[in-house]
Amino acid sequence: MLSILIPTYNYNVYPLVCELSAQCQTANIPFEVLVIDDHSTDIVPENTKINAVPNCSFIVLENNCGRSAVRNLLAKKAQYNWLLFLDSDVMPTQTNFISSYIGQIDNEVKLVNGGILYPDEKPEKEKILRWIYGRSREALSVKSRQQNPYLSCLSLNFLVHKSILNQVKFNESIPNLRHEDTLFSFNLKEKKIPVLHIHNPVFHFGLDTFDKAIKKENESLYALKYLIEKNLIAADYIRMGQMYSTLKKYQLTPLVQLFHRFAKPFLMKNLASQNPSMLFFDMYRISYLCTLRN
């Protein structure tokens, strides 16, 4: 009935697998949990215990294949028609997580997104930026997500019928930087695949430190520019792309580049503080995007 698919990289996914296996056994359903390690640079010994968990398996790839390819590989290896994709650094917020998704399995071929939450407890200072961004921009209500159903499809927690992955795969030809889920959601929209948002969230625990968060954001902006300039997504599909296109249209990017050059130290100081401003974060992001070469 259900294949649970988890890509992992340098993370201990064993506790998550144990929780999922226990919930599936309680629900009394045929299931499997497949975990593929995308050639981690830091070995996590506890992950090898996954193979001893009922109906669970752990595979380590000999070479790093990237976020898109590893998800496609997981889908290819899955034996059941309903696939539950989860990131390795999440944990269900409730004990009926699996049964809630089981209740969505019917004859309709669709994608179901459960959403994401962040713990209320404030993390250490070096992880504050990622925590505040996640709580304000990612941890959205069902009502908010359903207003923009495709773009709100974060790839870390969704149920999908296998036949959909035969129509829309994760694109393996784009740079392995970020936004593979943005392109995936855009392709779902093009194909008019039904998307349903429900309240069945996971906690996201894998918060990046400030330096790592900024590095990932820079990579993400490069990936966004690539998708737009290669016409893989519409420029106005996400707000940052729409802003960038407007600035280009009115030939304002040189002015924004100058702003980035002089304002970056001030913006970075705020973003590294205990109370980073999301407005300043957006100013950093759009100005950095304008500095990128083709």
C-alpha atoms as a PDB file:
ATOM      1  CA  MET A   1       0.000   0.000   0.000  1.00  0.00           C
ATOM      2  CA  LEU A   2       2.595   2.612   1.071  1.00  0.00           C
ATOM      3  CA  SER A   3       6.252   3.200   0.214  1.00  0.00           C
ATOM      4  CA  ILE A   4       7.947   5.765   2.453  1.00  0.00           C
ATOM      5  CA  LEU A   5      10.934   7.285   0.660  1.00  0.00           C
ATOM      6  CA  ILE A   6      13.685   9.191   2.469  1.00  0.00           C
ATOM      7  CA  PRO A   7      16.817  10.633   0.867  1.00  0.00           C
ATOM      8  CA  THR A   8      19.535  11.432   3.388  1.00  0.00           C
ATOM      9  CA  TYR A   9      22.937  13.069   3.501  1.00  0.00           C
ATOM     10  CA  ASN A  10      25.107  13.410   6.623  1.00  0.00           C
ATOM     11  CA  TYR A  11      22.126  12.939   8.941  1.00  0.00           C
ATOM     12  CA  ASN A  12      20.955  10.362  11.486  1.00  0.00           C
ATOM     13  CA  VAL A  13      17.641   9.161  10.064  1.00  0.00           C
ATOM     14  CA  TYR A  14      17.298   6.068  12.288  1.00  0.00           C
ATOM     15  CA  PRO A  15      14.925   7.653  14.875  1.00  0.00           C
ATOM     16  CA  LEU A  16      12.605   8.826  12.091  1.00  0.00           C
ATOM     17  CA  VAL A  17      12.550   5.377  10.493  1.00  0.00           C
ATOM     18  CA  CYS A  18      11.700   3.729  13.825  1.00  0.00           C
ATOM     19  CA  GLU A  19       8.801   6.134  14.368  1.00  0.00           C
ATOM     20  CA  LEU A  20       7.421   5.606  10.870  1.00  0.00           C
ATOM     21  CA  SER A  21       7.735   1.830  11.088  1.00  0.00           C
ATOM     22  CA  ALA A  22       5.914   1.799  14.427  1.00  0.00           C
ATOM     23  CA  GLN A  23       3.087   3.964  13.085  1.00  0.00           C
ATOM     24  CA  CYS A  24       2.707   1.781   9.976  1.00  0.00           C
ATOM     25  CA  GLN A  25       2.535  -1.361  12.099  1.00  0.00           C
ATOM     26  CA  THR A  26      -0.103   0.256  14.308  1.00  0.00           C
ATOM     27  CA  ALA A  27      -2.097   1.163  11.189  1.00  0.00           C
ATOM     28  CA  ASN A  28      -1.765  -2.479  10.096  1.00  0.00           C
ATOM     29  CA  ILE A  29      -0.925  -1.725   6.460  1.00  0.00           C
ATOM     30  CA  PRO A  30       1.520  -3.204   3.949  1.00  0.00           C
ATOM     31  CA  PHE A  31       4.461  -0.803   3.875  1.00  0.00           C
ATOM     32  CA  GLU A  32       8.148  -0.292   3.240  1.00  0.00           C
ATOM     33  CA  VAL A  33      10.583   2.414   4.272  1.00  0.00           C
ATOM     34  CA  LEU A  34      13.402   3.000   1.789  1.00  0.00           C
ATOM     35  CA  VAL A  35      16.329   5.219   2.779  1.00  0.00           C
ATOM     36  CA  ILE A  36      19.052   6.131   0.307  1.00  0.00           C
ATOM     37  CA  ASP A  37      22.209   7.846   1.522  1.00  0.00           C
ATOM     38  CA  ASP A  38      23.494  10.058  -1.288  1.00  0.00           C
ATOM     39  CA  HIS A  39      27.168   9.268  -0.585  1.00  0.00           C
ATOM     40  CA  SER A  40      27.496  11.166   2.707  1.00  0.00           C
ATOM     41  CA  THR A  41      30.847  12.692   3.568  1.00  0.00           C
ATOM     42  CA  ASP A  42      30.255  12.049   7.282  1.00  0.00           C
ATOM     43  CA  ILE A  43      29.329   8.461   8.066  1.00  0.00           C
ATOM     44  CA  VAL A  44      26.428   8.027  10.512  1.00  0.00           C
ATOM     45  CA  PRO A  45      26.921   4.530  12.028  1.00  0.00           C
ATOM     46  CA  GLU A  46      23.418   4.398  13.535  1.00  0.00           C
ATOM     47  CA  ASN A  47      21.856   4.485  10.070  1.00  0.00           C
ATOM     48  CA  THR A  48      23.090   0.955   9.391  1.00  0.00           C
ATOM     49  CA  LYS A  49      20.608  -0.261  12.026  1.00  0.00           C
ATOM     50  CA  ILE A  50      17.763   0.686   9.688  1.00  0.00           C
ATOM     51  CA  ASN A  51      18.102  -2.644   7.887  1.00  0.00           C
ATOM     52  CA  ALA A  52      17.106  -4.392  11.109  1.00  0.00           C
ATOM     53  CA  VAL A  53      13.834  -2.451  11.396  1.00  0.00           C
ATOM     54  CA  PRO A  54      10.820  -4.362   9.989  1.00  0.00           C
ATOM     55  CA  ASN A  55      10.183  -3.622   6.288  1.00  0.00           C
ATOM     56  CA  CYS A  56      12.936  -1.001   6.188  1.00  0.00           C
ATOM     57  CA  SER A  57      16.106  -0.793   4.108  1.00  0.00           C
ATOM     58  CA  PHE A  58      19.145   1.475   3.957  1.00  0.00           C
ATOM     59  CA  ILE A  59      21.319   1.911   0.860  1.00  0.00           C
ATOM     60  CA  VAL A  60      24.487   3.984   0.468  1.00  0.00           C
ATOM     61  CA  LEU A  61      25.273   5.190  -3.052  1.00  0.00           C
ATOM     62  CA  GLU A  62      28.829   4.861  -4.314  1.00  0.00           C
ATOM     63  CA  ASN A  63      28.678   8.359  -5.845  1.00  0.00           C
ATOM     64  CA  ASN A  64      26.720  11.483  -5.036  1.00  0.00           C
ATOM     65  CA  CYS A  65      23.887  11.836  -7.561  1.00  0.00           C
ATOM     66  CA  GLY A  66      22.081  14.940  -6.231  1.00  0.00           C
ATOM     67  CA  ARG A  67      18.692  15.802  -4.764  1.00  0.00           C
ATOM     68  CA  SER A  68      16.649  15.284  -7.910  1.00  0.00           C
ATOM     69  CA  ALA A  69      18.237  12.010  -8.985  1.00  0.00           C
ATOM     70  CA  VAL A  70      18.059  10.401  -5.555  1.00  0.00           C
ATOM     71  CA  ARG A  71      14.325  11.132  -5.297  1.00  0.00           C
ATOM     72  CA  ASN A  72      13.716   9.680  -8.748  1.00  0.00           C
ATOM     73  CA  LEU A  73      15.739   6.614  -7.776  1.00  0.00           C
ATOM     74  CA  LEU A  74      13.686   6.129  -4.618  1.00  0.00           C
ATOM     75  CA  ALA A  75      10.461   6.311  -6.641  1.00  0.00           C
ATOM     76  CA  LYS A  76      11.823   3.778  -9.126  1.00  0.00           C
ATOM     77  CA  LYS A  77      12.703   1.318  -6.359  1.00  0.00           C
ATOM     78  CA  ALA A  78       9.351   1.669  -4.555  1.00  0.00           C
ATOM     79  CA  GLN A  79       7.129  -1.413  -4.723  1.00  0.00           C
ATOM     80  CA  TYR A  80       3.811   0.274  -3.857  1.00  0.00           C
ATOM     81  CA  ASN A  81       1.737   2.798  -5.810  1.00  0.00           C
ATOM     82  CA  TRP A  82       1.440   5.412  -3.069  1.00  0.00           C
ATOM     83  CA  LEU A  83       4.691   7.163  -2.211  1.00  0.00           C
ATOM     84  CA  LEU A  84       5.325   9.245   0.892  1.00  0.00           C
ATOM     85  CA  PHE A  85       8.390  11.472   0.471  1.00  0.00           C
ATOM     86  CA  LEU A  86      10.036  12.803   3.630  1.00  0.00           C
ATOM     87  CA  ASP A  87      13.309  14.591   4.254  1.00  0.00           C
ATOM     88  CA  SER A  88      15.652  12.943   6.731  1.00  0.00           C
ATOM     89  CA  ASP A  89      15.712  15.879   9.177  1.00  0.00           C
ATOM     90  CA  VAL A  90      11.985  15.891   9.952  1.00  0.00           C
ATOM     91  CA  MET A  91       9.783  14.116  12.509  1.00  0.00           C
ATOM     92  CA  PRO A  92       5.982  13.667  12.569  1.00  0.00           C
ATOM     93  CA  THR A  93       4.300  16.016  15.016  1.00  0.00           C
ATOM     94  CA  GLN A  94       1.594  13.489  15.901  1.00  0.00           C
ATOM     95  CA  THR A  95       1.171   9.752  16.383  1.00  0.00           C
ATOM     96  CA  ASN A  96      -1.560   9.512  13.729  1.00  0.00           C
ATOM     97  CA  PHE A  97       0.707  10.921  11.012  1.00  0.00           C
ATOM     98  CA  ILE A  98       0.642   7.761   8.885  1.00  0.00           C
ATOM     99  CA  SER A  99      -3.057   7.044   9.450  1.00  0.00           C
ATOM    100  CA  SER A 100      -3.899  10.617   8.397  1.00  0.00           C
ATOM    101  CA  TYR A 101      -2.168  10.042   5.079  1.00  0.00           C
ATOM    102  CA  ILE A 102      -3.789   6.614   4.713  1.00  0.00           C
ATOM    103  CA  GLY A 103      -7.145   8.370   4.948  1.00  0.00           C
ATOM    104  CA  GLN A 104      -6.241  10.303   1.793  1.00  0.00           C
ATOM    105  CA  ILE A 105      -5.586   7.188  -0.279  1.00  0.00           C
ATOM    106  CA  ASP A 106      -8.475   6.571  -2.664  1.00  0.00           C
ATOM    107  CA  ASN A 107      -9.072   6.137  -6.377  1.00  0.00           C
ATOM    108  CA  GLU A 108      -8.098   9.735  -7.172  1.00  0.00           C
ATOM    109  CA  VAL A 109      -4.597  10.185  -8.537  1.00  0.00           C
ATOM    110  CA  LYS A 110      -3.245  13.241  -6.722  1.00  0.00           C
ATOM    111  CA  LEU A 111      -0.516  14.789  -4.604  1.00  0.00           C
ATOM    112  CA  VAL A 112      -1.203  15.484  -0.927  1.00  0.00           C
ATOM    113  CA  ASN A 113       0.997  17.875   1.048  1.00  0.00           C
ATOM    114  CA  GLY A 114       0.973  17.681   4.837  1.00  0.00           C
ATOM    115  CA  GLY A 115       2.863  20.861   5.708  1.00  0.00           C
ATOM    116  CA  ILE A 116       5.699  21.753   8.041  1.00  0.00           C
ATOM    117  CA  LEU A 117       6.119  23.206  11.528  1.00  0.00           C
ATOM    118  CA  TYR A 118       9.058  24.514  13.528  1.00  0.00           C
ATOM    119  CA  PRO A 119       9.392  24.029  17.305  1.00  0.00           C
ATOM    120  CA  ASP A 120       8.291  26.991  19.421  1.00  0.00           C
ATOM    121  CA  GLU A 121      11.509  26.951  21.405  1.00  0.00           C
ATOM    122  CA  LYS A 122      13.996  29.459  20.056  1.00  0.00           C
ATOM    123  CA  PRO A 123      17.259  27.788  18.946  1.00  0.00           C
ATOM    124  CA  GLU A 124      20.783  29.003  19.613  1.00  0.00           C
ATOM    125  CA  LYS A 125      21.725  32.328  18.040  1.00  0.00           C
ATOM    126  CA  GLU A 126      23.638  30.826  15.099  1.00  0.00           C
ATOM    127  CA  LYS A 127      20.444  29.097  13.905  1.00  0.00           C
ATOM    128  CA  ILE A 128      17.975  31.939  14.539  1.00  0.00           C
ATOM    129  CA  LEU A 129      17.814  33.160  10.922  1.00  0.00           C
ATOM    130  CA  ARG A 130      16.779  29.785   9.526  1.00  0.00           C
ATOM    131  CA  TRP A 131      14.264  29.279  12.350  1.00  0.00           C
ATOM    132  CA  ILE A 132      12.564  32.650  11.861  1.00  0.00           C
ATOM    133  CA  TYR A 133      12.501  32.243   8.076  1.00  0.00           C
ATOM    134  CA  GLY A 134      10.976  28.778   8.394  1.00  0.00           C
ATOM    135  CA  ARG A 135       8.289  29.872  10.833  1.00  0.00           C
ATOM    136  CA  SER A 136       7.307  32.945   8.797  1.00  0.00           C
ATOM    137  CA  ARG A 137       7.631  31.661   5.220  1.00  0.00           C
ATOM    138  CA  GLU A 138       7.297  27.854   5.316  1.00  0.00           C
ATOM    139  CA  ALA A 139       5.097  26.926   8.293  1.00  0.00           C
ATOM    140  CA  LEU A 140       1.876  28.028   6.633  1.00  0.00           C
ATOM    141  CA  SER A 141      -1.707  27.054   7.459  1.00  0.00           C
ATOM    142  CA  VAL A 142      -3.701  24.782   5.169  1.00  0.00           C
ATOM    143  CA  LYS A 143      -5.776  27.785   4.083  1.00  0.00           C
ATOM    144  CA  SER A 144      -2.675  29.784   3.130  1.00  0.00           C
ATOM    145  CA  ARG A 145      -1.084  26.868   1.300  1.00  0.00           C
ATOM    146  CA  GLN A 146      -4.242  26.078  -0.631  1.00  0.00           C
ATOM    147  CA  GLN A 147      -4.342  29.651  -1.994  1.00  0.00           C
ATOM    148  CA  ASN A 148      -1.173  28.859  -3.928  1.00  0.00           C
ATOM    149  CA  PRO A 149      -1.279  25.056  -3.940  1.00  0.00           C
ATOM    150  CA  TYR A 150       1.562  24.263  -6.311  1.00  0.00           C
ATOM    151  CA  LEU A 151       4.202  26.670  -5.033  1.00  0.00           C
ATOM    152  CA  SER A 152       3.376  25.615  -1.455  1.00  0.00           C
ATOM    153  CA  CYS A 153       4.359  22.016  -2.207  1.00  0.00           C
ATOM    154  CA  LEU A 154       7.553  21.657  -0.194  1.00  0.00           C
ATOM    155  CA  SER A 155       9.217  18.358  -1.055  1.00  0.00           C
ATOM    156  CA  LEU A 156      10.001  17.376   2.536  1.00  0.00           C
ATOM    157  CA  ASN A 157       6.520  15.984   3.336  1.00  0.00           C
ATOM    158  CA  PHE A 158       4.130  14.865   0.617  1.00  0.00           C
ATOM    159  CA  LEU A 159       2.141  11.838  -0.527  1.00  0.00           C
ATOM    160  CA  VAL A 160       1.859  11.155  -4.238  1.00  0.00           C
ATOM    161  CA  HIS A 161       0.565   8.422  -6.514  1.00  0.00           C
ATOM    162  CA  LYS A 162       3.371   6.700  -8.394  1.00  0.00           C
ATOM    163  CA  SER A 163       1.761   7.334 -11.772  1.00  0.00           C
ATOM    164  CA  ILE A 164       2.284  11.084 -11.265  1.00  0.00           C
ATOM    165  CA  LEU A 165       6.050  10.525 -10.994  1.00  0.00           C
ATOM    166  CA  ASN A 166       5.852   8.866 -14.402  1.00  0.00           C
ATOM    167  CA  GLN A 167       4.501  12.157 -15.797  1.00  0.00           C
ATOM    168  CA  VAL A 168       6.510  14.646 -13.738  1.00  0.00           C
ATOM    169  CA  LYS A 169       9.932  13.642 -12.472  1.00  0.00           C
ATOM    170  CA  PHE A 170      12.423  15.706 -10.514  1.00  0.00           C
ATOM    171  CA  ASN A 171      14.636  17.356 -13.129  1.00  0.00           C
ATOM    172  CA  GLU A 172      18.125  15.848 -13.004  1.00  0.00           C
ATOM    173  CA  SER A 173      19.673  18.184 -15.587  1.00  0.00           C
ATOM    174  CA  ILE A 174      19.555  21.378 -13.492  1.00  0.00           C
ATOM    175  CA  PRO A 175      22.412  22.431 -11.181  1.00  0.00           C
ATOM    176  CA  ASN A 176      22.342  20.470  -7.916  1.00  0.00           C
ATOM    177  CA  LEU A 177      21.971  23.613  -5.831  1.00  0.00           C
ATOM    178  CA  ARG A 178      18.337  24.233  -4.819  1.00  0.00           C
ATOM    179  CA  HIS A 179      14.854  24.877  -6.265  1.00  0.00           C
ATOM    180  CA  GLU A 180      14.414  21.386  -7.671  1.00  0.00           C
ATOM    181  CA  ASP A 181      11.131  21.319  -5.715  1.00  0.00           C
ATOM    182  CA  THR A 182      10.110  24.678  -7.230  1.00  0.00           C
ATOM    183  CA  LEU A 183      10.603  23.291 -10.730  1.00  0.00           C
ATOM    184  CA  PHE A 184       8.802  20.082  -9.756  1.00  0.00           C
ATOM    185  CA  SER A 185       5.789  22.059  -8.506  1.00  0.00           C
ATOM    186  CA  PHE A 186       5.780  24.240 -11.634  1.00  0.00           C
ATOM    187  CA  ASN A 187       5.728  21.114 -13.806  1.00  0.00           C
ATOM    188  CA  LEU A 188       2.849  19.737 -11.721  1.00  0.00           C
ATOM    189  CA  LYS A 189       0.952  22.952 -12.405  1.00  0.00           C
ATOM    190  CA  GLU A 190       1.647  22.698 -16.139  1.00  0.00           C
ATOM    191  CA  LYS A 191       0.276  19.144 -16.154  1.00  0.00           C
ATOM    192  CA  LYS A 192      -2.710  20.219 -14.017  1.00  0.00           C
ATOM    193  CA  ILE A 193      -2.014  17.480 -11.483  1.00  0.00           C
ATOM    194  CA  PRO A 194      -4.500  17.718  -8.572  1.00  0.00           C
ATOM    195  CA  VAL A 195      -2.857  18.979  -5.365  1.00  0.00           C
ATOM    196  CA  LEU A 196      -4.480  18.843  -1.941  1.00  0.00           C
ATOM    197  CA  HIS A 197      -3.127  20.454   1.228  1.00  0.00           C
ATOM    198  CA  ILE A 198      -3.996  18.982   4.619  1.00  0.00           C
ATOM    199  CA  HIS A 199      -2.889  19.513   8.205  1.00  0.00           C
ATOM    200  CA  ASN A 200      -0.502  16.605   8.741  1.00  0.00           C
ATOM    201  CA  PRO A 201       2.775  18.387   9.487  1.00  0.00           C
ATOM    202  CA  VAL A 202       6.269  17.343  10.383  1.00  0.00           C
ATOM    203  CA  PHE A 203       8.703  19.242  12.567  1.00  0.00           C
ATOM    204  CA  HIS A 204      11.786  20.423  10.716  1.00  0.00           C
ATOM    205  CA  PHE A 205      14.774  19.940  13.037  1.00  0.00           C
ATOM    206  CA  GLY A 206      17.730  20.251  10.657  1.00  0.00           C
ATOM    207  CA  LEU A 207      18.301  23.986  11.104  1.00  0.00           C
ATOM    208  CA  ASP A 208      21.364  25.394   9.374  1.00  0.00           C
ATOM    209  CA  THR A 209      23.849  27.667  11.096  1.00  0.00           C
ATOM    210  CA  PHE A 210      24.007  31.263   9.858  1.00  0.00           C
ATOM    211  CA  ASP A 211      26.989  30.738   7.537  1.00  0.00           C
ATOM    212  CA  LYS A 212      25.493  27.585   6.057  1.00  0.00           C
ATOM    213  CA  ALA A 213      22.069  29.212   5.663  1.00  0.00           C
ATOM    214  CA  ILE A 214      23.566  32.146   3.753  1.00  0.00           C
ATOM    215  CA  LYS A 215      25.633  29.799   1.582  1.00  0.00           C
ATOM    216  CA  LYS A 216      22.541  27.740   0.735  1.00  0.00           C
ATOM    217  CA  GLU A 217      20.528  30.866   0.029  1.00  0.00           C
ATOM    218  CA  ASN A 218      23.193  32.109  -2.381  1.00  0.00           C
ATOM    219  CA  GLU A 219      23.129  28.753  -4.158  1.00  0.00           C
ATOM    220  CA  SER A 220      19.337  28.879  -4.227  1.00  0.00           C
ATOM    221  CA  LEU A 221      19.377  32.298  -5.882  1.00  0.00           C
ATOM    222  CA  TYR A 222      21.828  31.066  -8.511  1.00  0.00           C
ATOM    223  CA  ALA A 223      19.528  28.107  -9.163  1.00  0.00           C
ATOM    224  CA  LEU A 224      16.517  30.415  -9.438  1.00  0.00           C
ATOM    225  CA  LYS A 225      18.297  32.615 -11.974  1.00  0.00           C
ATOM    226  CA  TYR A 226      19.213  29.500 -13.955  1.00  0.00           C
ATOM    227  CA  LEU A 227      15.600  28.257 -14.032  1.00  0.00           C
ATOM    228  CA  ILE A 228      14.297  31.628 -15.171  1.00  0.00           C
ATOM    229  CA  GLU A 229      16.923  32.232 -17.847  1.00  0.00           C
ATOM    230  CA  LYS A 230      16.552  28.694 -19.203  1.00  0.00           C
ATOM    231  CA  ASN A 231      12.767  29.259 -19.363  1.00  0.00           C
ATOM    232  CA  LEU A 232      12.173  26.259 -17.125  1.00  0.00           C
ATOM    233  CA  ILE A 233       9.813  28.254 -14.914  1.00  0.00           C
ATOM    234  CA  ALA A 234       7.865  31.462 -15.496  1.00  0.00           C
ATOM    235  CA  ALA A 235       9.686  34.476 -14.059  1.00  0.00           C
ATOM    236  CA  ASP A 236       6.604  35.473 -12.071  1.00  0.00           C
ATOM    237  CA  TYR A 237       6.063  32.004 -10.579  1.00  0.00           C
ATOM    238  CA  ILE A 238       7.711  33.032  -7.317  1.00  0.00           C
ATOM    239  CA  ARG A 239       7.913  36.502  -5.792  1.00  0.00           C
ATOM    240  CA  MET A 240      11.713  36.794  -5.929  1.00  0.00           C
ATOM    241  CA  GLY A 241      11.726  35.964  -9.633  1.00  0.00           C
ATOM    242  CA  GLN A 242       8.982  38.470 -10.296  1.00  0.00           C
ATOM    243  CA  MET A 243      10.922  41.217  -8.489  1.00  0.00           C
ATOM    244  CA  TYR A 244      14.090  40.354 -10.407  1.00  0.00           C
ATOM    245  CA  SER A 245      12.300  40.459 -13.763  1.00  0.00           C
ATOM    246  CA  THR A 246      10.770  43.838 -12.951  1.00  0.00           C
ATOM    247  CA  LEU A 247      14.173  45.277 -12.055  1.00  0.00           C
ATOM    248  CA  LYS A 248      15.637  43.933 -15.299  1.00  0.00           C
ATOM    249  CA  LYS A 249      12.746  45.313 -17.325  1.00  0.00           C
ATOM    250  CA  TYR A 250      13.354  48.841 -16.049  1.00  0.00           C
ATOM    251  CA  GLN A 251      17.157  48.445 -16.183  1.00  0.00           C
ATOM    252  CA  LEU A 252      17.514  48.937 -12.438  1.00  0.00           C
ATOM    253  CA  THR A 253      19.805  45.983 -11.731  1.00  0.00           C
ATOM    254  CA  PRO A 254      23.028  48.097 -11.818  1.00  0.00           C
ATOM    255  CA  LEU A 255      21.565  50.357  -9.121  1.00  0.00           C
ATOM    256  CA  VAL A 256      20.604  47.339  -7.011  1.00  0.00           C
ATOM    257  CA  GLN A 257      24.078  45.878  -7.483  1.00  0.00           C
ATOM    258  CA  LEU A 258      25.531  49.102  -6.108  1.00  0.00           C
ATOM    259  CA  PHE A 259      23.139  48.901  -3.182  1.00  0.00           C
ATOM    260  CA  HIS A 260      24.286  45.343  -2.462  1.00  0.00           C
ATOM    261  CA  ARG A 261      27.927  46.385  -2.484  1.00  0.00           C
ATOM    262  CA  PHE A 262      27.487  49.086   0.140  1.00  0.00           C
ATOM    263  CA  ALA A 263      24.578  47.702   2.187  1.00  0.00           C
ATOM    264  CA  LYS A 264      25.781  44.092   2.512  1.00  0.00           C
ATOM    265  CA  PRO A 265      27.794  44.623   5.769  1.00  0.00           C
ATOM    266  CA  PHE A 266      24.804  46.280   7.455  1.00  0.00           C
ATOM    267  CA  LEU A 267      22.360  43.628   6.197  1.00  0.00           C
ATOM    268  CA  MET A 268      24.610  40.753   7.262  1.00  0.00           C
ATOM    269  CA  LYS A 269      25.025  42.241  10.734  1.00  0.00           C
ATOM    270  CA  ASN A 270      21.262  42.319  11.174  1.00  0.00           C
ATOM    271  CA  LEU A 271      20.734  38.827   9.746  1.00  0.00           C
ATOM    272  CA  ALA A 272      23.358  37.386  12.105  1.00  0.00           C
ATOM    273  CA  SER A 273      21.707  38.991  15.150  1.00  0.00           C
ATOM    274  CA  GLN A 274      19.162  37.487  17.535  1.00  0.00           C
ATOM    275  CA  ASN A 275      16.345  39.396  15.795  1.00  0.00           C
ATOM    276  CA  PRO A 276      16.967  39.199  12.051  1.00  0.00           C
ATOM    277  CA  SER A 277      14.540  41.102   9.840  1.00  0.00           C
ATOM    278  CA  MET A 278      12.833  39.216   7.027  1.00  0.00           C
ATOM    279  CA  LEU A 279      12.586  42.518   5.151  1.00  0.00           C
ATOM    280  CA  PHE A 280      16.365  42.880   5.327  1.00  0.00           C
ATOM    281  CA  PHE A 281      16.714  39.244   4.310  1.00  0.00           C
ATOM    282  CA  ASP A 282      14.603  39.911   1.212  1.00  0.00           C
ATOM    283  CA  MET A 283      16.704  43.008   0.464  1.00  0.00           C
ATOM    284  CA  TYR A 284      19.851  40.893   0.705  1.00  0.00           C
ATOM    285  CA  ARG A 285      18.373  38.188  -1.510  1.00  0.00           C
ATOM    286  CA  ILE A 286      17.126  40.393  -4.337  1.00  0.00           C
ATOM    287  CA  SER A 287      20.290  42.506  -4.360  1.00  0.00           C
ATOM    288  CA  TYR A 288      22.512  39.407  -4.389  1.00  0.00           C
ATOM    289  CA  LEU A 289      20.423  37.947  -7.218  1.00  0.00           C
ATOM    290  CA  CYS A 290      21.087  41.090  -9.250  1.00  0.00           C
ATOM    291  CA  THR A 291      24.860  40.658  -8.831  1.00  0.00           C
ATOM    292  CA  LEU A 292      24.903  37.201 -10.415  1.00  0.00           C
ATOM    293  CA  ARG A 293      26.320  36.837 -13.898  1.00  0.00           C
ATOM    294  CA  ASN A 294      24.481  34.908 -16.615  1.00  0.00           C
END
